[in-house]
Amino acid sequence: MKRISVYQVAVEFGDCDPAQIVYFPNFFRWFDASSRKFFIDCGVPPWREMEKANGIIGTPVVEASSRFILPATYGDKVEVHTSIEEWREKTFVMKHALSRGNDLLAEGRDVRVFAIRHPDDSTRIKAVPIPEEIRRLCS
């Protein structure tokens, strides 16, 4: 059974466009916040601590997609249900389902990597193999 983390969002007026529906980039913002909450819920330390321990600075997105099904508006209480759909050597796929009650509003997927600062150029990052300890915590 996959581990699922739930991130709750209260939709604010500022999250909406002039038609009073949630502006689509906000779904990606909530997916990203839900991704970090997933790792916290699994017991993965904050990225600042991870960087000190093993150099990992986070899990940047290398690919993202979404399918929008129903609109949301201000005043709505929505939830993002996040899980890891697939582990690969250096990448992994996170799945997000955003709902309001029993209504599925959007689905998203993002491919991420565990990254360290590039050893030759600290302004760049470098993907590293997924640490087994993190796989274990998140399974």
C-alpha atoms as a PDB file:
ATOM      1  CA  MET A   1       0.000   0.000   0.000  1.00  0.00           C
ATOM      2  CA  LYS A   2       1.346   3.406  -0.962  1.00  0.00           C
ATOM      3  CA  ARG A   3       1.994   6.015   1.663  1.00  0.00           C
ATOM      4  CA  ILE A   4      -0.239   9.076   1.156  1.00  0.00           C
ATOM      5  CA  SER A   5       0.167  12.494   2.737  1.00  0.00           C
ATOM      6  CA  VAL A   6      -2.671  15.027   2.851  1.00  0.00           C
ATOM      7  CA  TYR A   7      -2.049  18.777   2.540  1.00  0.00           C
ATOM      8  CA  GLN A   8      -5.015  21.019   3.346  1.00  0.00           C
ATOM      9  CA  VAL A   9      -5.563  24.360   1.616  1.00  0.00           C
ATOM     10  CA  ALA A  10      -8.045  27.138   2.325  1.00  0.00           C
ATOM     11  CA  VAL A  11      -8.546  28.847  -1.044  1.00  0.00           C
ATOM     12  CA  GLU A  12      -8.226  32.623  -0.682  1.00  0.00           C
ATOM     13  CA  PHE A  13      -9.546  35.402  -2.930  1.00  0.00           C
ATOM     14  CA  GLY A  14      -5.961  36.139  -4.012  1.00  0.00           C
ATOM     15  CA  ASP A  15      -5.613  32.566  -5.333  1.00  0.00           C
ATOM     16  CA  CYS A  16      -8.278  33.289  -7.947  1.00  0.00           C
ATOM     17  CA  ASP A  17      -8.369  34.983 -11.342  1.00  0.00           C
ATOM     18  CA  PRO A  18     -10.936  37.665 -12.327  1.00  0.00           C
ATOM     19  CA  ALA A  19     -13.506  34.919 -13.021  1.00  0.00           C
ATOM     20  CA  GLN A  20     -13.133  33.938  -9.326  1.00  0.00           C
ATOM     21  CA  ILE A  21     -11.711  30.509 -10.094  1.00  0.00           C
ATOM     22  CA  VAL A  22      -8.318  29.325  -8.871  1.00  0.00           C
ATOM     23  CA  TYR A  23      -5.566  30.529 -11.197  1.00  0.00           C
ATOM     24  CA  PHE A  24      -3.932  27.347 -12.540  1.00  0.00           C
ATOM     25  CA  PRO A  25      -0.331  27.983 -11.332  1.00  0.00           C
ATOM     26  CA  ASN A  26      -1.632  27.798  -7.769  1.00  0.00           C
ATOM     27  CA  PHE A  27      -2.388  24.110  -8.259  1.00  0.00           C
ATOM     28  CA  PHE A  28       1.307  23.571  -8.974  1.00  0.00           C
ATOM     29  CA  ARG A  29       2.238  25.661  -5.913  1.00  0.00           C
ATOM     30  CA  TRP A  30       0.004  23.449  -3.757  1.00  0.00           C
ATOM     31  CA  PHE A  31       1.390  20.267  -5.339  1.00  0.00           C
ATOM     32  CA  ASP A  32       4.889  21.473  -4.457  1.00  0.00           C
ATOM     33  CA  ALA A  33       3.946  22.292  -0.854  1.00  0.00           C
ATOM     34  CA  SER A  34       2.262  18.902  -0.573  1.00  0.00           C
ATOM     35  CA  SER A  35       5.456  17.231  -1.820  1.00  0.00           C
ATOM     36  CA  ARG A  36       7.497  18.735   1.022  1.00  0.00           C
ATOM     37  CA  LYS A  37       4.775  17.811   3.542  1.00  0.00           C
ATOM     38  CA  PHE A  38       4.946  14.238   2.227  1.00  0.00           C
ATOM     39  CA  PHE A  39       8.625  14.005   3.152  1.00  0.00           C
ATOM     40  CA  ILE A  40       8.058  15.630   6.548  1.00  0.00           C
ATOM     41  CA  ASP A  41       5.235  13.164   7.280  1.00  0.00           C
ATOM     42  CA  CYS A  42       7.601  10.308   6.332  1.00  0.00           C
ATOM     43  CA  GLY A  43      10.218  11.524   8.821  1.00  0.00           C
ATOM     44  CA  VAL A  44      12.703  12.973   6.319  1.00  0.00           C
ATOM     45  CA  PRO A  45      14.542  15.869   8.017  1.00  0.00           C
ATOM     46  CA  PRO A  46      14.246  19.433   6.664  1.00  0.00           C
ATOM     47  CA  TRP A  47      16.439  20.099   3.620  1.00  0.00           C
ATOM     48  CA  ARG A  48      18.762  22.394   5.627  1.00  0.00           C
ATOM     49  CA  GLU A  49      19.542  19.482   7.957  1.00  0.00           C
ATOM     50  CA  MET A  50      19.889  17.090   5.021  1.00  0.00           C
ATOM     51  CA  GLU A  51      22.413  19.411   3.396  1.00  0.00           C
ATOM     52  CA  LYS A  52      24.526  19.416   6.538  1.00  0.00           C
ATOM     53  CA  ALA A  53      24.300  15.617   6.874  1.00  0.00           C
ATOM     54  CA  ASN A  54      24.723  14.425   3.276  1.00  0.00           C
ATOM     55  CA  GLY A  55      24.671  17.429   0.943  1.00  0.00           C
ATOM     56  CA  ILE A  56      21.094  16.983  -0.313  1.00  0.00           C
ATOM     57  CA  ILE A  57      19.517  20.416  -0.780  1.00  0.00           C
ATOM     58  CA  GLY A  58      16.056  19.298  -1.889  1.00  0.00           C
ATOM     59  CA  THR A  59      14.019  17.658  -4.616  1.00  0.00           C
ATOM     60  CA  PRO A  60      13.718  20.000  -7.600  1.00  0.00           C
ATOM     61  CA  VAL A  61      11.134  19.305 -10.283  1.00  0.00           C
ATOM     62  CA  VAL A  62      12.454  18.257 -13.697  1.00  0.00           C
ATOM     63  CA  GLU A  63       9.037  17.616 -15.294  1.00  0.00           C
ATOM     64  CA  ALA A  64       5.472  18.558 -14.280  1.00  0.00           C
ATOM     65  CA  SER A  65       1.986  17.988 -15.651  1.00  0.00           C
ATOM     66  CA  SER A  66      -1.590  18.403 -14.528  1.00  0.00           C
ATOM     67  CA  ARG A  67      -5.107  17.632 -15.644  1.00  0.00           C
ATOM     68  CA  PHE A  68      -7.720  20.119 -14.477  1.00  0.00           C
ATOM     69  CA  ILE A  69     -11.165  18.583 -13.994  1.00  0.00           C
ATOM     70  CA  LEU A  70     -13.330  20.963 -11.953  1.00  0.00           C
ATOM     71  CA  PRO A  71     -12.784  24.564 -10.813  1.00  0.00           C
ATOM     72  CA  ALA A  72     -12.228  25.754  -7.260  1.00  0.00           C
ATOM     73  CA  THR A  73     -13.004  29.204  -5.888  1.00  0.00           C
ATOM     74  CA  TYR A  74     -12.285  31.295  -2.823  1.00  0.00           C
ATOM     75  CA  GLY A  75     -13.770  29.950   0.367  1.00  0.00           C
ATOM     76  CA  ASP A  76     -13.259  26.344  -0.742  1.00  0.00           C
ATOM     77  CA  LYS A  77     -11.410  23.918   1.505  1.00  0.00           C
ATOM     78  CA  VAL A  78      -9.393  21.567  -0.670  1.00  0.00           C
ATOM     79  CA  GLU A  79      -6.947  18.759  -0.021  1.00  0.00           C
ATOM     80  CA  VAL A  80      -3.957  17.526  -1.972  1.00  0.00           C
ATOM     81  CA  HIS A  81      -3.324  13.791  -1.558  1.00  0.00           C
ATOM     82  CA  THR A  82       0.301  13.074  -2.472  1.00  0.00           C
ATOM     83  CA  SER A  83       2.151   9.798  -2.919  1.00  0.00           C
ATOM     84  CA  ILE A  84       5.202   8.451  -4.693  1.00  0.00           C
ATOM     85  CA  GLU A  85       4.059   6.636  -7.789  1.00  0.00           C
ATOM     86  CA  GLU A  86       7.450   5.350  -8.922  1.00  0.00           C
ATOM     87  CA  TRP A  87      11.050   5.227  -7.731  1.00  0.00           C
ATOM     88  CA  ARG A  88      13.822   5.238 -10.326  1.00  0.00           C
ATOM     89  CA  GLU A  89      17.605   5.385  -9.920  1.00  0.00           C
ATOM     90  CA  LYS A  90      17.950   9.179  -9.789  1.00  0.00           C
ATOM     91  CA  THR A  91      14.369  10.344 -10.328  1.00  0.00           C
ATOM     92  CA  PHE A  92      11.008   9.625  -8.784  1.00  0.00           C
ATOM     93  CA  VAL A  93       7.423  10.409  -9.745  1.00  0.00           C
ATOM     94  CA  MET A  94       5.025  12.052  -7.305  1.00  0.00           C
ATOM     95  CA  LYS A  95       1.280  11.868  -7.863  1.00  0.00           C
ATOM     96  CA  HIS A  96      -1.097  14.533  -6.556  1.00  0.00           C
ATOM     97  CA  ALA A  97      -4.891  14.389  -6.367  1.00  0.00           C
ATOM     98  CA  LEU A  98      -6.564  17.678  -5.428  1.00  0.00           C
ATOM     99  CA  SER A  99     -10.117  17.324  -4.158  1.00  0.00           C
ATOM    100  CA  ARG A 100     -12.939  19.230  -2.524  1.00  0.00           C
ATOM    101  CA  GLY A 101     -14.887  16.717  -0.475  1.00  0.00           C
ATOM    102  CA  ASN A 102     -15.602  13.806  -2.826  1.00  0.00           C
ATOM    103  CA  ASP A 103     -14.991  15.869  -5.979  1.00  0.00           C
ATOM    104  CA  LEU A 104     -11.678  15.390  -7.765  1.00  0.00           C
ATOM    105  CA  LEU A 105     -10.637  18.840  -9.034  1.00  0.00           C
ATOM    106  CA  ALA A 106      -7.214  18.133 -10.501  1.00  0.00           C
ATOM    107  CA  GLU A 107      -4.545  15.487 -10.828  1.00  0.00           C
ATOM    108  CA  GLY A 108      -0.865  16.243 -11.130  1.00  0.00           C
ATOM    109  CA  ARG A 109       2.396  14.428 -11.541  1.00  0.00           C
ATOM    110  CA  ASP A 110       5.902  15.669 -11.181  1.00  0.00           C
ATOM    111  CA  VAL A 111       9.243  14.038 -11.740  1.00  0.00           C
ATOM    112  CA  ARG A 112      11.854  15.083  -9.202  1.00  0.00           C
ATOM    113  CA  VAL A 113      15.484  14.418  -8.342  1.00  0.00           C
ATOM    114  CA  PHE A 114      17.423  14.521  -5.117  1.00  0.00           C
ATOM    115  CA  ALA A 115      19.986  17.258  -5.665  1.00  0.00           C
ATOM    116  CA  ILE A 116      23.285  18.410  -4.209  1.00  0.00           C
ATOM    117  CA  ARG A 117      25.278  21.502  -5.063  1.00  0.00           C
ATOM    118  CA  HIS A 118      27.442  20.746  -8.082  1.00  0.00           C
ATOM    119  CA  PRO A 119      30.989  20.018  -6.839  1.00  0.00           C
ATOM    120  CA  ASP A 120      32.594  22.086  -9.625  1.00  0.00           C
ATOM    121  CA  ASP A 121      30.177  25.042  -9.619  1.00  0.00           C
ATOM    122  CA  SER A 122      28.114  25.913  -6.545  1.00  0.00           C
ATOM    123  CA  THR A 123      25.677  27.917  -8.679  1.00  0.00           C
ATOM    124  CA  ARG A 124      24.524  24.648 -10.284  1.00  0.00           C
ATOM    125  CA  ILE A 125      22.968  21.503  -8.896  1.00  0.00           C
ATOM    126  CA  LYS A 126      23.557  17.828  -9.574  1.00  0.00           C
ATOM    127  CA  ALA A 127      21.155  14.879  -9.309  1.00  0.00           C
ATOM    128  CA  VAL A 128      22.306  12.027  -7.087  1.00  0.00           C
ATOM    129  CA  PRO A 129      21.026   8.473  -6.659  1.00  0.00           C
ATOM    130  CA  ILE A 130      18.042   8.324  -4.312  1.00  0.00           C
ATOM    131  CA  PRO A 131      19.280   7.478  -0.807  1.00  0.00           C
ATOM    132  CA  GLU A 132      18.027   4.077   0.370  1.00  0.00           C
ATOM    133  CA  GLU A 133      17.204   5.515   3.795  1.00  0.00           C
ATOM    134  CA  ILE A 134      14.778   7.971   2.202  1.00  0.00           C
ATOM    135  CA  ARG A 135      13.176   5.250   0.070  1.00  0.00           C
ATOM    136  CA  ARG A 136      12.702   3.193   3.216  1.00  0.00           C
ATOM    137  CA  LEU A 137      11.171   6.095   5.180  1.00  0.00           C
ATOM    138  CA  CYS A 138       8.761   6.887   2.340  1.00  0.00           C
ATOM    139  CA  SER A 139       7.593   3.343   1.616  1.00  0.00           C
END
